[in-house]
Amino acid sequence: MEAANCSLRVKRPLLDPRFEGYKLSLEPLPCYQLELDAAVAEVKLRDDQYTLEHMHAFGMYNYLHCDAWYQDSVYYIDNLGRIMNLTVMLDTALGKPREVFRLPTDVTAYDNRLCASIHFTSPSWVTLSDGTGRLYVIGTGDRGNSPEKWEIMFNEELGNPFIIIHSISLLKGEEHSVAILLLRIEKEELDMKGSGFYVSLEWVIVSKKKEDNKRYEMTKHHVLRGKSVPHYAAIEPNGNGLMIVSYKSFKVMSADQDLEESMDEDRSEKVKEPLYYWQQSEDDLTVTVRLPEGSTKEDIQIQFLPDSINLRLKDTQVLEGKLYSSIDHEGSTWTIKENDSLEIFLMKKNEGLTWPELVVGDKQGELIRDPAQCAAIAERLMHLTSDELNPNPDKEKPPCNAQELEECDIFFEESSSLCRFDGNTLKTTHVVNLGSNQYLFSVIVDPKEMPCFCLRHDVDALLWQPHCSKQGDMWEHIATFNALGYVQASKRDKKFFACAPNYSYAALCECLRRVFIYRQPTPMSTVLYNRKEGRHVGQVAKQQVASLETNDPILGFQATNERLFVLTTKNLFLIKVNMEN
């Protein structure tokens, strides 16, 4: 079954074509600062992690984690191996971050480790990677109640270091499972094209039956491979599929043992020697077939027809089907050569026509190109190429003048795609070509659903909620941030991007100090008049800027409905954005 090509349906009522822009507000934002007992466990890129993919995955990693199941609860991991939590009830009575769990091993002894990563799977389950290649599945109980006790339910070494992208908890009948999505960047041993690295996405399932006294065990391990770090990757809540937004596509490398064996067979078939070789001139074609040792002319059965050919060797069908174009079947011949090969001469009816294939749809042969013929084709195409870019600009205006574009209109990436993979077959079922819809960020609006992703559409930023249960309308447009696609493109130093789960505002931060907040339009307490258009302005969208009192780089950034949390090396900042829910 081929993947269905889909599109994202924009809800026109959620767009505001008369949006006038953001008005800078000088209203002060309450900002609270907490000094950390120990510095954040930041892991900087090594000399051998020099590619853009390493920077995307690990260099721009968000060290602050938001527990979407509980309001205003954030976590980080410090350099003592402690998972620290801050849950905010009242801004004016902030407590110190408290330790909820400590990594069993001293990870600082590992030279090739990555940053530790954590994902909040459900209200009572957490998945954790210590950055050395070890995966933990932890039962936390109800994290809303204090004191909570985190207990390791699964603990296994999975090879090279990885980070956790996403995880879900599944309860089917008497079996409880946790599905986890891991990401690694590994050295490419064979194919040295490009950066020499590839990205591995691993879908791991850990499960246990309720009545069993056994510990949790790994029951499935699927691997997908690509050449770029995905912008977005998430498992569907029912575990039946996987969605990925990426610049370059991902392919399934292995799943269960049966799939691995079938892929090995496919690979062995791919490297088989072609059944025949063929070459052509303007007037005729020559097909060469290697014969089994000791073959005679009685073993060969060959039939020429004006539009097709049929060749059998003893009881084996070698060549059969419709030819690319017509031949003179009466003038076509064959002969057995001394080196145990069969040569077939086919006379073209349409002289001068170049055949791209011999038999339509047949991939068992190989075309041998004549160097003189290749040179002639290159000469015919010479007028379409040039060593210079637009060599004669006065003669003809170039179709696109990049100087007429503003910097924020230029996309630095090529087209990305959104793909859905089936959870059982791992085949692609749906594909959306995102074109110039630049990926901006993801946010969890409802923790029971998949994370939403935000894309740029023209100048706006549109928020999309995936729905795995709706096959006909799998991605729903749920909110719009007016002109934010255009505005964010001008922020060249931006590091993290987020929005409130209730869409009341979007925010981005730079690498140092500054945080920009863009609010949705709200009604005005006073009446404003637009003289240009001659109308009253009923609502205004505000932009606010907060400057943090620190020179440390920003390592983490999370948004809730009321607050922004900003993590630096030694401090945690809280910015009160909304006064009430």
Protein backbone atom coordinates (compact mmCIF):
# COMPACT_ATOMS: atom_id res chain seq x y z
CA MET A 1 0.00 0.00 0.00
CA GLU A 2 1.44 3.35 -1.06
CA ALA A 3 1.52 6.28 1.35
CA ALA A 4 -1.35 8.75 0.94
CA ASN A 5 -0.24 12.27 0.02
CA CYS A 6 -2.11 14.59 2.38
CA SER A 7 -2.28 18.30 3.06
CA LEU A 8 -2.84 20.47 6.12
CA ARG A 9 -6.24 22.21 6.09
CA VAL A 10 -6.11 25.74 7.43
CA LYS A 11 -9.20 26.97 9.29
CA ARG A 12 -9.90 30.38 7.78
CA PRO A 13 -11.87 31.68 10.82
CA LEU A 14 -8.66 31.34 12.88
CA LEU A 15 -6.79 33.76 10.57
CA ASP A 16 -6.89 37.54 10.96
CA PRO A 17 -6.12 39.27 7.64
CA ARG A 18 -6.52 42.71 9.30
CA PHE A 19 -3.92 42.09 12.01
CA GLU A 20 -1.92 45.31 12.38
CA GLY A 21 1.12 44.05 14.29
CA TYR A 22 2.40 43.95 17.84
CA LYS A 23 2.54 47.07 20.01
CA LEU A 24 5.52 47.27 22.35
CA SER A 25 4.32 47.42 25.93
CA LEU A 26 6.55 48.87 28.66
CA GLU A 27 4.54 47.29 31.47
CA PRO A 28 7.02 45.58 33.82
CA LEU A 29 6.85 41.80 34.11
CA PRO A 30 7.32 40.33 37.61
CA CYS A 31 10.52 38.27 37.51
CA TYR A 32 11.77 35.97 40.29
CA GLN A 33 15.23 34.45 40.54
CA LEU A 34 16.30 31.25 42.31
CA GLU A 35 19.96 30.40 42.82
CA LEU A 36 20.71 26.70 42.26
CA ASP A 37 22.58 24.60 44.83
CA ALA A 38 24.61 22.95 42.06
CA ALA A 39 25.15 23.93 38.43
CA VAL A 40 23.11 22.37 35.63
CA ALA A 41 24.70 19.22 34.15
CA GLU A 42 25.54 20.85 30.82
CA VAL A 43 27.47 18.64 28.37
CA LYS A 44 29.27 20.62 25.68
CA LEU A 45 29.93 19.29 22.20
CA ARG A 46 33.19 17.44 21.70
CA ASP A 47 35.61 18.00 18.82
CA ASP A 48 34.24 14.95 16.98
CA GLN A 49 30.65 16.28 17.25
CA TYR A 50 31.13 18.92 14.60
CA THR A 51 28.13 18.53 12.28
CA LEU A 52 24.97 20.62 12.09
CA GLU A 53 23.00 17.56 13.24
CA HIS A 54 25.05 17.35 16.45
CA MET A 55 24.33 21.03 17.07
CA HIS A 56 20.57 20.59 16.48
CA ALA A 57 20.25 17.52 18.69
CA PHE A 58 22.72 18.18 21.52
CA GLY A 59 24.12 21.70 21.19
CA MET A 60 20.64 23.30 21.29
CA TYR A 61 19.25 20.84 23.85
CA ASN A 62 16.63 22.18 26.28
CA TYR A 63 17.89 21.26 29.78
CA LEU A 64 14.62 22.34 31.45
CA HIS A 65 11.77 19.82 31.35
CA CYS A 66 8.11 20.66 31.97
CA ASP A 67 5.79 18.05 33.53
CA ALA A 68 2.68 18.57 31.40
CA TRP A 69 0.59 16.38 33.73
CA TYR A 70 0.97 18.85 36.62
CA GLN A 71 0.61 22.62 36.40
CA ASP A 72 3.78 24.74 36.73
CA SER A 73 6.12 21.88 37.60
CA VAL A 74 9.59 21.87 36.01
CA TYR A 75 12.64 19.62 36.36
CA TYR A 76 16.35 19.78 35.57
CA ILE A 77 19.37 17.55 36.22
CA ASP A 78 22.39 19.02 38.03
CA ASN A 79 26.05 18.04 37.86
CA LEU A 80 25.69 15.95 41.04
CA GLY A 81 23.41 13.57 39.14
CA ARG A 82 20.28 14.78 40.95
CA ILE A 83 16.90 15.31 39.30
CA MET A 84 15.63 18.55 40.82
CA ASN A 85 12.01 19.69 40.80
CA LEU A 86 10.36 23.07 41.32
CA THR A 87 6.59 23.20 41.59
CA VAL A 88 5.15 26.72 41.88
CA MET A 89 2.02 27.41 43.89
CA LEU A 90 2.65 31.04 44.84
CA ASP A 91 5.27 33.25 43.19
CA THR A 92 5.97 35.26 46.31
CA ALA A 93 6.63 32.09 48.36
CA LEU A 94 9.03 30.16 46.18
CA GLY A 95 10.88 27.27 47.76
CA LYS A 96 14.22 25.83 46.74
CA PRO A 97 14.24 23.14 44.01
CA ARG A 98 14.02 19.73 45.73
CA GLU A 99 15.74 16.46 44.85
CA VAL A 100 13.36 13.71 43.68
CA PHE A 101 15.84 11.17 42.28
CA ARG A 102 19.57 10.60 41.97
CA LEU A 103 21.28 8.76 39.13
CA PRO A 104 22.71 5.45 40.40
CA THR A 105 26.03 5.87 38.55
CA ASP A 106 28.55 8.69 38.39
CA VAL A 107 28.15 9.77 34.77
CA THR A 108 31.00 12.33 34.92
CA ALA A 109 33.48 9.45 34.54
CA TYR A 110 32.26 8.80 30.95
CA ASP A 111 34.18 10.74 28.31
CA ASN A 112 31.73 10.26 25.42
CA ARG A 113 28.49 10.92 27.30
CA LEU A 114 25.61 13.09 26.11
CA CYS A 115 23.31 15.30 28.16
CA ALA A 116 20.96 13.36 30.45
CA SER A 117 17.35 13.49 29.21
CA ILE A 118 13.97 12.89 30.84
CA HIS A 119 10.39 12.55 29.58
CA PHE A 120 7.19 12.49 31.61
CA THR A 121 5.35 9.51 30.19
CA SER A 122 2.18 9.63 32.32
CA PRO A 123 1.06 10.98 35.74
CA SER A 124 2.94 8.09 37.40
CA TRP A 125 5.70 7.06 34.94
CA VAL A 126 8.93 8.71 33.81
CA THR A 127 11.59 7.64 31.29
CA LEU A 128 15.19 8.68 31.84
CA SER A 129 18.51 8.47 29.99
CA ASP A 130 21.70 9.20 31.91
CA GLY A 131 23.56 10.14 28.69
CA THR A 132 25.86 7.09 28.75
CA GLY A 133 23.59 4.69 26.84
CA ARG A 134 21.54 3.43 29.80
CA LEU A 135 17.73 3.62 29.79
CA TYR A 136 15.65 3.83 32.97
CA VAL A 137 11.87 3.39 33.23
CA ILE A 138 10.78 4.78 36.61
CA GLY A 139 7.53 4.46 38.50
CA THR A 140 6.94 7.71 40.41
CA GLY A 141 3.49 7.19 41.88
CA ASP A 142 1.30 10.29 41.86
CA ARG A 143 3.78 13.14 41.37
CA GLY A 144 1.17 15.62 42.60
CA ASN A 145 1.42 14.22 46.12
CA SER A 146 4.42 14.83 48.33
CA PRO A 147 6.59 13.07 49.29
CA GLU A 148 6.87 11.04 46.10
CA LYS A 149 9.08 8.00 45.71
CA TRP A 150 10.74 7.27 42.38
CA GLU A 151 11.43 3.54 41.86
CA ILE A 152 13.42 2.05 38.96
CA MET A 153 11.26 -0.55 37.18
CA PHE A 154 13.54 -1.12 34.15
CA ASN A 155 17.25 -0.46 33.78
CA GLU A 156 19.29 -1.61 30.78
CA GLU A 157 22.37 -0.65 28.78
CA LEU A 158 21.40 -0.03 25.13
CA GLY A 159 24.76 0.65 23.51
CA ASN A 160 25.95 4.08 22.39
CA PRO A 161 24.66 7.21 24.20
CA PHE A 162 21.23 8.56 23.20
CA ILE A 163 18.63 11.12 24.23
CA ILE A 164 14.91 10.49 24.79
CA ILE A 165 12.59 12.26 22.36
CA HIS A 166 9.15 11.01 23.45
CA SER A 167 7.42 8.26 25.44
CA ILE A 168 3.90 6.98 26.16
CA SER A 169 2.29 4.58 28.64
CA LEU A 170 -0.05 1.85 27.33
CA LEU A 171 -2.39 -0.45 29.25
CA LYS A 172 -3.90 -3.17 27.05
CA GLY A 173 -5.78 -5.85 28.96
CA GLU A 174 -3.46 -7.19 31.65
CA GLU A 175 -0.27 -5.89 30.03
CA HIS A 176 1.34 -2.56 30.81
CA SER A 177 3.84 -1.17 28.29
CA VAL A 178 5.99 1.92 27.98
CA ALA A 179 6.98 2.93 24.44
CA ILE A 180 10.05 5.18 24.16
CA LEU A 181 11.57 7.02 21.22
CA LEU A 182 15.37 7.36 21.37
CA LEU A 183 17.73 9.39 19.17
CA ARG A 184 21.40 8.75 18.42
CA ILE A 185 23.85 10.24 15.92
CA GLU A 186 26.33 7.61 14.81
CA LYS A 187 29.34 7.42 12.52
CA GLU A 188 28.61 6.14 9.01
CA GLU A 189 31.13 3.39 8.31
CA LEU A 190 30.28 2.60 4.67
CA ASP A 191 28.61 5.59 3.04
CA MET A 192 30.90 8.59 3.49
CA LYS A 193 28.75 11.01 1.50
CA GLY A 194 27.70 14.19 3.27
CA SER A 195 28.73 14.63 6.89
CA GLY A 196 29.75 11.00 7.46
CA PHE A 197 27.12 10.59 10.21
CA TYR A 198 23.56 9.28 10.26
CA VAL A 199 20.65 9.80 12.66
CA SER A 200 19.11 6.73 14.27
CA LEU A 201 15.57 6.83 15.74
CA GLU A 202 14.84 3.80 17.91
CA TRP A 203 11.33 2.83 19.00
CA VAL A 204 11.71 0.72 22.14
CA ILE A 205 8.82 -0.99 23.96
CA VAL A 206 9.23 -2.17 27.55
CA SER A 207 6.36 -4.21 29.01
CA LYS A 208 5.18 -6.55 31.76
CA LYS A 209 1.96 -8.47 32.48
CA LYS A 210 0.23 -7.42 35.67
CA GLU A 211 0.01 -10.87 37.24
CA ASP A 212 3.68 -11.64 36.56
CA ASN A 213 6.20 -11.11 39.31
CA LYS A 214 8.90 -10.59 36.69
CA ARG A 215 10.48 -7.22 36.03
CA TYR A 216 9.76 -5.18 32.95
CA GLU A 217 11.45 -6.50 29.80
CA MET A 218 12.15 -5.08 26.35
CA THR A 219 9.67 -6.66 23.93
CA LYS A 220 10.22 -4.66 20.74
CA HIS A 221 13.02 -2.61 19.22
CA HIS A 222 12.44 -0.87 15.88
CA VAL A 223 15.13 1.23 14.16
CA LEU A 224 14.66 4.02 11.61
CA ARG A 225 17.57 5.79 9.97
CA GLY A 226 17.85 9.20 8.33
CA LYS A 227 20.36 11.91 7.46
CA SER A 228 18.89 14.77 9.50
CA VAL A 229 17.75 15.25 13.09
CA PRO A 230 13.92 15.31 13.10
CA HIS A 231 12.27 18.60 14.04
CA TYR A 232 9.45 16.60 15.63
CA ALA A 233 8.95 12.92 16.44
CA ALA A 234 6.19 11.42 18.59
CA ILE A 235 4.44 8.09 19.18
CA GLU A 236 0.65 8.05 18.89
CA PRO A 237 -1.18 7.69 22.26
CA ASN A 238 -2.54 4.25 21.27
CA GLY A 239 0.90 3.05 20.13
CA ASN A 240 -0.33 2.34 16.60
CA GLY A 241 1.86 4.82 14.76
CA LEU A 242 4.73 7.26 14.72
CA MET A 243 4.83 10.78 13.26
CA ILE A 244 8.03 12.50 12.16
CA VAL A 245 8.69 15.99 10.78
CA SER A 246 12.13 16.07 9.18
CA TYR A 247 14.15 17.71 6.46
CA LYS A 248 15.32 14.33 5.10
CA SER A 249 13.20 11.19 5.12
CA PHE A 250 13.64 8.24 7.49
CA LYS A 251 13.77 4.60 6.41
CA VAL A 252 13.15 1.47 8.46
CA MET A 253 16.39 -0.40 9.05
CA SER A 254 15.16 -3.21 11.30
CA ALA A 255 12.21 -4.30 13.36
CA ASP A 256 11.47 -7.83 14.47
CA GLN A 257 13.70 -10.69 13.33
CA ASP A 258 11.38 -11.61 10.43
CA LEU A 259 11.70 -8.11 9.01
CA GLU A 260 15.49 -8.17 9.35
CA GLU A 261 15.68 -11.47 7.45
CA SER A 262 13.43 -10.20 4.67
CA MET A 263 15.55 -7.05 4.35
CA ASP A 264 18.71 -9.17 4.14
CA GLU A 265 17.09 -11.08 1.28
CA ASP A 266 16.19 -7.80 -0.41
CA ARG A 267 19.78 -6.60 -0.09
CA SER A 268 21.15 -9.82 -1.55
CA GLU A 269 18.78 -9.46 -4.50
CA LYS A 270 19.90 -5.88 -5.05
CA VAL A 271 23.55 -6.81 -5.41
CA LYS A 272 22.89 -9.69 -7.88
CA GLU A 273 24.56 -9.44 -11.28
CA PRO A 274 22.21 -8.15 -14.02
CA LEU A 275 20.55 -10.87 -16.18
CA TYR A 276 21.51 -9.00 -19.33
CA TYR A 277 23.46 -5.98 -20.61
CA TRP A 278 22.33 -3.75 -23.46
CA GLN A 279 23.63 -0.83 -25.47
CA GLN A 280 22.28 1.19 -28.36
CA SER A 281 23.20 3.32 -31.33
CA GLU A 282 20.96 5.56 -33.41
CA ASP A 283 19.88 2.60 -35.59
CA ASP A 284 19.94 -0.54 -33.45
CA LEU A 285 20.25 -2.16 -30.03
CA THR A 286 22.54 -4.96 -28.85
CA VAL A 287 21.52 -7.20 -25.95
CA THR A 288 24.07 -9.57 -24.36
CA VAL A 289 22.96 -12.49 -22.14
CA ARG A 290 25.40 -14.85 -20.37
CA LEU A 291 24.53 -18.48 -21.11
CA PRO A 292 24.87 -21.42 -18.69
CA GLU A 293 27.93 -23.54 -19.48
CA GLY A 294 27.31 -26.11 -22.23
CA SER A 295 24.26 -24.35 -23.68
CA THR A 296 23.32 -25.09 -27.31
CA LYS A 297 21.06 -23.31 -29.77
CA GLU A 298 18.34 -25.90 -29.02
CA ASP A 299 18.15 -24.55 -25.46
CA ILE A 300 17.32 -21.05 -26.71
CA GLN A 301 13.75 -20.02 -27.52
CA ILE A 302 13.41 -16.45 -28.76
CA GLN A 303 10.50 -14.63 -30.38
CA PHE A 304 10.60 -11.16 -31.98
CA LEU A 305 7.40 -9.16 -32.37
CA PRO A 306 7.08 -5.52 -33.54
CA ASP A 307 6.49 -4.24 -29.97
CA SER A 308 7.70 -7.05 -27.69
CA ILE A 309 10.32 -9.73 -27.11
CA ASN A 310 10.26 -13.17 -25.48
CA LEU A 311 13.46 -15.04 -24.50
CA ARG A 312 13.68 -18.39 -22.67
CA LEU A 313 16.81 -20.41 -21.82
CA LYS A 314 15.78 -24.03 -21.29
CA ASP A 315 12.96 -23.64 -18.75
CA THR A 316 14.00 -20.19 -17.46
CA GLN A 317 12.24 -17.00 -18.58
CA VAL A 318 14.99 -14.39 -19.08
CA LEU A 319 13.32 -11.56 -20.94
CA GLU A 320 9.67 -10.95 -21.69
CA GLY A 321 7.52 -7.88 -22.15
CA LYS A 322 6.71 -4.78 -24.16
CA LEU A 323 9.65 -2.96 -25.73
CA TYR A 324 10.10 0.77 -25.16
CA SER A 325 9.52 1.42 -28.88
CA SER A 326 8.87 -0.55 -32.07
CA ILE A 327 11.50 -2.68 -33.84
CA ASP A 328 11.87 -4.24 -37.28
CA HIS A 329 11.23 -7.78 -36.05
CA GLU A 330 12.10 -9.33 -39.40
CA GLY A 331 15.52 -7.64 -39.49
CA SER A 332 16.37 -8.60 -35.86
CA THR A 333 18.75 -11.54 -35.32
CA TRP A 334 20.67 -13.43 -32.62
CA THR A 335 23.93 -15.40 -32.41
CA ILE A 336 25.93 -17.44 -29.87
CA LYS A 337 29.43 -16.06 -29.20
CA GLU A 338 32.52 -18.09 -28.26
CA ASN A 339 32.56 -16.80 -24.67
CA ASP A 340 29.25 -18.55 -23.82
CA SER A 341 27.13 -15.46 -24.37
CA LEU A 342 24.07 -14.78 -26.50
CA GLU A 343 24.00 -11.57 -28.57
CA ILE A 344 20.68 -10.20 -29.81
CA PHE A 345 20.51 -7.45 -32.47
CA LEU A 346 17.32 -5.39 -32.61
CA MET A 347 16.73 -2.91 -35.45
CA LYS A 348 14.97 0.32 -34.36
CA LYS A 349 11.97 1.39 -36.42
CA ASN A 350 12.29 4.99 -35.19
CA GLU A 351 15.92 5.76 -35.99
CA GLY A 352 17.60 8.35 -33.78
CA LEU A 353 15.25 7.73 -30.81
CA THR A 354 17.15 7.15 -27.53
CA TRP A 355 15.62 4.38 -25.43
CA PRO A 356 15.78 4.98 -21.64
CA GLU A 357 14.90 1.30 -21.03
CA LEU A 358 14.76 -1.88 -23.10
CA VAL A 359 11.63 -3.59 -21.75
CA VAL A 360 9.10 -1.33 -20.06
CA GLY A 361 9.29 -1.74 -16.27
CA ASP A 362 12.07 -4.37 -16.38
CA LYS A 363 14.93 -3.66 -13.92
CA GLN A 364 16.96 -6.86 -14.46
CA GLY A 365 19.24 -5.43 -17.14
CA GLU A 366 21.97 -2.80 -17.22
CA LEU A 367 22.55 -0.18 -19.91
CA ILE A 368 26.16 0.22 -21.08
CA ARG A 369 26.61 3.78 -22.34
CA ASP A 370 28.85 4.56 -25.29
CA PRO A 371 31.28 7.42 -24.39
CA ALA A 372 30.86 9.00 -27.82
CA GLN A 373 27.09 8.99 -27.40
CA CYS A 374 27.37 10.61 -23.94
CA ALA A 375 29.59 13.34 -25.39
CA ALA A 376 27.05 14.04 -28.14
CA ILE A 377 24.21 14.38 -25.60
CA ALA A 378 26.30 16.74 -23.45
CA GLU A 379 27.02 18.89 -26.52
CA ARG A 380 23.31 19.13 -27.33
CA LEU A 381 22.60 20.31 -23.75
CA MET A 382 25.49 22.78 -23.62
CA HIS A 383 23.31 25.80 -24.41
CA LEU A 384 21.29 25.18 -21.22
CA THR A 385 24.29 25.47 -18.90
CA SER A 386 26.86 28.09 -18.01
CA ASP A 387 29.93 28.37 -15.80
CA GLU A 388 28.69 31.78 -14.60
CA LEU A 389 25.59 32.72 -12.59
CA ASN A 390 23.35 34.83 -14.87
CA PRO A 391 26.24 35.56 -17.30
CA ASN A 392 24.38 38.22 -19.28
CA PRO A 393 22.01 40.06 -16.90
CA ASP A 394 21.32 42.90 -19.35
CA LYS A 395 20.00 40.58 -22.03
CA GLU A 396 17.33 38.96 -19.91
CA LYS A 397 16.08 39.83 -16.42
CA PRO A 398 16.68 36.97 -13.99
CA PRO A 399 13.44 35.27 -12.86
CA CYS A 400 14.18 35.92 -9.19
CA ASN A 401 16.21 38.67 -7.61
CA ALA A 402 17.25 37.63 -4.11
CA GLN A 403 18.07 41.26 -3.31
CA GLU A 404 14.36 42.08 -3.41
CA LEU A 405 13.74 39.68 -0.49
CA GLU A 406 14.10 40.68 3.13
CA GLU A 407 16.33 38.54 5.34
CA CYS A 408 13.36 37.16 7.27
CA ASP A 409 11.74 35.96 4.00
CA ILE A 410 14.63 33.64 3.19
CA PHE A 411 14.40 30.03 4.38
CA PHE A 412 17.71 28.39 5.10
CA GLU A 413 16.26 24.89 4.84
CA GLU A 414 14.86 23.02 1.91
CA SER A 415 11.42 21.49 2.01
CA SER A 416 10.60 19.34 5.05
CA SER A 417 7.99 16.59 5.18
CA LEU A 418 5.61 15.17 7.76
CA CYS A 419 5.37 11.36 7.66
CA ARG A 420 3.27 8.86 9.59
CA PHE A 421 4.60 5.31 10.03
CA ASP A 422 2.34 2.37 10.87
CA GLY A 423 3.20 0.82 14.23
CA ASN A 424 2.93 -2.79 13.02
CA THR A 425 4.35 -2.78 9.49
CA LEU A 426 6.51 0.37 9.93
CA LYS A 427 5.48 1.40 6.43
CA THR A 428 4.74 5.03 5.60
CA THR A 429 0.96 5.55 5.51
CA HIS A 430 0.65 9.36 5.20
CA VAL A 431 2.99 12.02 3.80
CA VAL A 432 2.58 15.79 3.92
CA ASN A 433 5.03 17.90 1.94
CA LEU A 434 5.47 20.99 4.11
CA GLY A 435 7.06 23.03 1.32
CA SER A 436 8.00 26.46 2.67
CA ASN A 437 6.03 25.93 5.92
CA GLN A 438 9.02 26.31 8.22
CA TYR A 439 8.93 24.29 11.46
CA LEU A 440 9.05 26.55 14.52
CA PHE A 441 8.46 24.59 17.75
CA SER A 442 6.34 21.95 19.50
CA VAL A 443 4.17 22.22 22.61
CA ILE A 444 2.05 19.85 24.71
CA VAL A 445 -1.47 21.27 24.86
CA ASP A 446 -3.12 18.11 26.20
CA PRO A 447 -0.73 15.50 27.69
CA LYS A 448 -3.18 12.72 26.72
CA GLU A 449 -2.74 13.70 23.05
CA MET A 450 0.37 13.93 20.88
CA PRO A 451 2.44 17.13 21.14
CA CYS A 452 1.33 19.92 18.83
CA PHE A 453 3.73 21.43 16.31
CA CYS A 454 3.84 24.99 15.05
CA LEU A 455 4.57 25.84 11.40
CA ARG A 456 5.06 29.10 9.58
CA HIS A 457 2.33 29.80 7.00
CA ASP A 458 3.13 32.96 5.07
CA VAL A 459 3.71 35.49 7.89
CA ASP A 460 1.66 33.70 10.56
CA ALA A 461 2.55 30.82 12.88
CA LEU A 462 -0.10 28.08 12.93
CA LEU A 463 -0.44 25.46 15.65
CA TRP A 464 -1.42 21.93 14.60
CA GLN A 465 -2.76 19.12 16.82
CA PRO A 466 -2.28 15.57 15.49
CA HIS A 467 -5.27 13.21 15.93
CA CYS A 468 -4.39 9.58 15.26
CA SER A 469 -8.06 8.50 15.53
CA LYS A 470 -9.19 10.74 12.64
CA GLN A 471 -7.79 9.11 9.51
CA GLY A 472 -9.46 11.61 7.17
CA ASP A 473 -8.42 14.73 9.10
CA MET A 474 -5.34 13.69 11.03
CA TRP A 475 -3.96 17.19 11.73
CA GLU A 476 -6.19 19.93 13.11
CA HIS A 477 -5.43 23.64 12.98
CA ILE A 478 -6.19 24.76 16.56
CA ALA A 479 -4.61 28.22 16.95
CA THR A 480 -2.87 31.05 15.12
CA PHE A 481 -0.16 33.44 16.29
CA ASN A 482 -0.58 36.40 13.96
CA ALA A 483 2.53 37.57 12.07
CA LEU A 484 4.73 35.52 14.41
CA GLY A 485 6.30 33.59 11.53
CA TYR A 486 7.58 36.88 10.12
CA VAL A 487 8.56 38.37 13.48
CA GLN A 488 10.56 35.36 14.72
CA ALA A 489 12.55 35.22 11.49
CA SER A 490 14.11 38.57 12.33
CA LYS A 491 15.42 37.27 15.67
CA ARG A 492 18.72 35.86 14.43
CA ASP A 493 20.01 35.01 17.94
CA LYS A 494 16.94 33.06 19.06
CA LYS A 495 17.62 29.78 20.87
CA PHE A 496 14.33 28.42 22.23
CA PHE A 497 10.72 28.96 21.15
CA ALA A 498 7.58 28.08 23.12
CA CYS A 499 3.94 29.00 23.69
CA ALA A 500 1.39 28.66 26.48
CA PRO A 501 -0.75 25.49 26.33
CA ASN A 502 -3.85 27.74 26.18
CA TYR A 503 -2.30 29.73 23.25
CA SER A 504 -2.55 33.02 25.20
CA TYR A 505 1.02 33.98 24.27
CA ALA A 506 4.13 32.80 22.47
CA ALA A 507 7.68 33.46 23.66
CA LEU A 508 11.22 33.09 22.44
CA CYS A 509 14.56 33.65 24.09
CA GLU A 510 18.00 34.51 22.80
CA CYS A 511 21.19 32.77 23.84
CA LEU A 512 21.79 35.44 26.49
CA ARG A 513 19.52 37.51 28.72
CA ARG A 514 16.61 38.59 26.53
CA VAL A 515 13.14 37.03 26.39
CA PHE A 516 10.45 38.22 23.93
CA ILE A 517 6.75 37.67 24.66
CA TYR A 518 4.02 38.02 22.02
CA ARG A 519 0.46 38.10 23.37
CA GLN A 520 -2.74 37.32 21.54
CA PRO A 521 -4.94 40.37 20.74
CA THR A 522 -7.02 41.49 23.75
CA PRO A 523 -9.78 44.14 24.08
CA MET A 524 -8.66 47.66 24.93
CA SER A 525 -9.81 49.50 28.05
CA THR A 526 -9.65 52.78 26.08
CA VAL A 527 -10.87 53.48 22.55
CA LEU A 528 -8.23 53.82 19.83
CA TYR A 529 -8.83 55.23 16.37
CA ASN A 530 -7.02 54.15 13.19
CA ARG A 531 -6.83 57.34 11.12
CA LYS A 532 -5.41 55.59 8.08
CA GLU A 533 -8.39 53.25 7.72
CA GLY A 534 -10.91 55.45 9.47
CA ARG A 535 -12.06 52.86 12.02
CA HIS A 536 -11.99 52.16 15.73
CA VAL A 537 -9.48 49.65 17.05
CA GLY A 538 -11.14 47.26 19.49
CA GLN A 539 -8.15 45.10 20.46
CA VAL A 540 -4.37 45.21 20.48
CA ALA A 541 -1.66 42.52 20.50
CA LYS A 542 1.18 43.38 22.88
CA GLN A 543 4.86 42.58 22.68
CA GLN A 544 6.93 42.60 25.87
CA VAL A 545 10.65 42.19 26.47
CA ALA A 546 12.24 40.85 29.64
CA SER A 547 15.97 41.13 30.32
CA LEU A 548 17.43 38.67 32.82
CA GLU A 549 20.02 39.83 35.33
CA THR A 550 22.68 37.29 34.41
CA ASN A 551 25.53 36.83 31.98
CA ASP A 552 25.24 33.03 31.97
CA PRO A 553 23.91 31.40 28.77
CA ILE A 554 20.29 30.25 28.71
CA LEU A 555 20.14 26.43 28.85
CA GLY A 556 16.41 25.76 29.25
CA PHE A 557 13.10 27.44 28.44
CA GLN A 558 9.52 26.35 29.22
CA ALA A 559 6.13 28.09 29.06
CA THR A 560 2.98 27.40 31.09
CA ASN A 561 -0.32 29.28 31.02
CA GLU A 562 0.81 31.72 33.73
CA ARG A 563 4.62 31.64 33.77
CA LEU A 564 7.81 31.41 31.78
CA PHE A 565 10.65 29.35 33.27
CA VAL A 566 14.18 30.20 32.12
CA LEU A 567 17.15 28.08 33.19
CA THR A 568 20.75 29.28 33.13
CA THR A 569 23.87 27.52 34.38
CA LYS A 570 23.41 28.63 38.01
CA ASN A 571 19.93 30.20 38.21
CA LEU A 572 16.28 29.49 37.51
CA PHE A 573 14.16 32.52 36.56
CA LEU A 574 10.36 32.76 36.73
CA ILE A 575 8.59 35.41 34.66
CA LYS A 576 4.96 35.97 35.58
CA VAL A 577 3.23 36.45 32.23
CA ASN A 578 -0.47 36.09 33.06
CA MET A 579 -1.97 37.09 36.39
CA GLU A 580 -4.69 34.45 36.28
CA ASN A 581 -5.50 31.23 34.40
